[in-house]
Amino acid sequence: HLLGYVDGTTPPPPQMISQTSESGETSLLPNPAYAKWIQQDQIIFSTIISSLSESLMTHIVGHKRLQQ
């Protein structure tokens, strides 16, 4: 399951989701699943970064997500 964050088989969900009110109006709301996905991605990314040697780390610094 966690490898999917690294190899791209677990893509992020949409950042926003639509919600339709009882009156029929549709609005966009932040997707809580996206926030959770980003948090998990960052935990995995940090774990990988902390295990790298200094010479490898120079190639990774500046990336914000695993799939970059």
C-alpha atoms as a PDB file:
ATOM      1  CA  HIS A   1       0.000   0.000   0.000  1.00  0.00           C
ATOM      2  CA  LEU A   2       2.709   2.512   0.916  1.00  0.00           C
ATOM      3  CA  LEU A   3       4.791   1.640  -2.144  1.00  0.00           C
ATOM      4  CA  GLY A   4       1.973   3.108  -4.232  1.00  0.00           C
ATOM      5  CA  TYR A   5       2.954   6.566  -3.036  1.00  0.00           C
ATOM      6  CA  VAL A   6       6.476   5.976  -4.341  1.00  0.00           C
ATOM      7  CA  ASP A   7       5.692   4.255  -7.651  1.00  0.00           C
ATOM      8  CA  GLY A   8       2.604   6.323  -8.496  1.00  0.00           C
ATOM      9  CA  THR A   9       0.016   3.555  -8.256  1.00  0.00           C
ATOM     10  CA  THR A  10      -1.667   5.412  -5.385  1.00  0.00           C
ATOM     11  CA  PRO A  11      -2.407   8.764  -7.034  1.00  0.00           C
ATOM     12  CA  PRO A  12      -3.696  11.695  -5.031  1.00  0.00           C
ATOM     13  CA  PRO A  13      -7.463  12.137  -4.896  1.00  0.00           C
ATOM     14  CA  PRO A  14      -8.966  15.382  -6.224  1.00  0.00           C
ATOM     15  CA  GLN A  15      -8.098  18.456  -4.157  1.00  0.00           C
ATOM     16  CA  MET A  16     -11.686  19.658  -4.251  1.00  0.00           C
ATOM     17  CA  ILE A  17     -15.029  17.854  -4.187  1.00  0.00           C
ATOM     18  CA  SER A  18     -18.403  19.165  -5.189  1.00  0.00           C
ATOM     19  CA  GLN A  19     -21.341  19.250  -2.831  1.00  0.00           C
ATOM     20  CA  THR A  20     -24.925  19.923  -3.856  1.00  0.00           C
ATOM     21  CA  SER A  21     -27.174  21.613  -1.333  1.00  0.00           C
ATOM     22  CA  GLU A  22     -30.853  20.841  -0.864  1.00  0.00           C
ATOM     23  CA  SER A  23     -31.645  23.892  -3.003  1.00  0.00           C
ATOM     24  CA  GLY A  24     -29.651  22.384  -5.867  1.00  0.00           C
ATOM     25  CA  GLU A  25     -26.664  24.722  -5.669  1.00  0.00           C
ATOM     26  CA  THR A  26     -23.293  23.085  -6.155  1.00  0.00           C
ATOM     27  CA  SER A  27     -20.190  24.291  -4.384  1.00  0.00           C
ATOM     28  CA  LEU A  28     -16.588  23.107  -4.225  1.00  0.00           C
ATOM     29  CA  LEU A  29     -15.116  22.075  -0.892  1.00  0.00           C
ATOM     30  CA  PRO A  30     -11.639  20.921   0.119  1.00  0.00           C
ATOM     31  CA  ASN A  31     -11.406  17.143  -0.085  1.00  0.00           C
ATOM     32  CA  PRO A  32     -10.391  15.696   3.304  1.00  0.00           C
ATOM     33  CA  ALA A  33      -9.046  12.590   1.523  1.00  0.00           C
ATOM     34  CA  TYR A  34      -6.602  14.809  -0.373  1.00  0.00           C
ATOM     35  CA  ALA A  35      -5.280  16.353   2.857  1.00  0.00           C
ATOM     36  CA  LYS A  36      -4.829  12.868   4.320  1.00  0.00           C
ATOM     37  CA  TRP A  37      -3.057  11.685   1.144  1.00  0.00           C
ATOM     38  CA  ILE A  38      -0.633  14.646   1.270  1.00  0.00           C
ATOM     39  CA  GLN A  39       0.084  13.969   4.933  1.00  0.00           C
ATOM     40  CA  GLN A  40       0.861  10.298   4.236  1.00  0.00           C
ATOM     41  CA  ASP A  41       3.008  11.240   1.224  1.00  0.00           C
ATOM     42  CA  GLN A  42       5.026  13.651   3.358  1.00  0.00           C
ATOM     43  CA  ILE A  43       5.559  11.054   6.097  1.00  0.00           C
ATOM     44  CA  ILE A  44       6.861   8.529   3.571  1.00  0.00           C
ATOM     45  CA  PHE A  45       8.980  11.177   1.833  1.00  0.00           C
ATOM     46  CA  SER A  46      10.529  12.274   5.139  1.00  0.00           C
ATOM     47  CA  THR A  47      11.296   8.679   6.080  1.00  0.00           C
ATOM     48  CA  ILE A  48      13.035   8.068   2.778  1.00  0.00           C
ATOM     49  CA  ILE A  49      14.970  11.350   2.991  1.00  0.00           C
ATOM     50  CA  SER A  50      16.178  10.572   6.503  1.00  0.00           C
ATOM     51  CA  SER A  51      17.600   7.248   5.339  1.00  0.00           C
ATOM     52  CA  LEU A  52      19.637   8.663   2.415  1.00  0.00           C
ATOM     53  CA  SER A  53      23.317   9.382   2.372  1.00  0.00           C
ATOM     54  CA  GLU A  54      24.391  12.997   1.935  1.00  0.00           C
ATOM     55  CA  SER A  55      25.506  12.413  -1.662  1.00  0.00           C
ATOM     56  CA  LEU A  56      22.088  11.048  -2.652  1.00  0.00           C
ATOM     57  CA  MET A  57      20.208  13.663  -0.665  1.00  0.00           C
ATOM     58  CA  THR A  58      21.552  16.460  -2.870  1.00  0.00           C
ATOM     59  CA  HIS A  59      19.568  14.996  -5.785  1.00  0.00           C
ATOM     60  CA  ILE A  60      16.320  14.951  -3.800  1.00  0.00           C
ATOM     61  CA  VAL A  61      16.409  18.286  -1.943  1.00  0.00           C
ATOM     62  CA  GLY A  62      13.842  20.689  -3.365  1.00  0.00           C
ATOM     63  CA  HIS A  63      11.239  18.064  -4.199  1.00  0.00           C
ATOM     64  CA  LYS A  64       7.941  18.386  -2.402  1.00  0.00           C
ATOM     65  CA  ARG A  65       6.351  15.020  -3.197  1.00  0.00           C
ATOM     66  CA  LEU A  66       7.570  11.515  -3.829  1.00  0.00           C
ATOM     67  CA  GLN A  67       6.501  11.515  -7.475  1.00  0.00           C
ATOM     68  CA  GLN A  68       8.685  14.462  -8.491  1.00  0.00           C
END
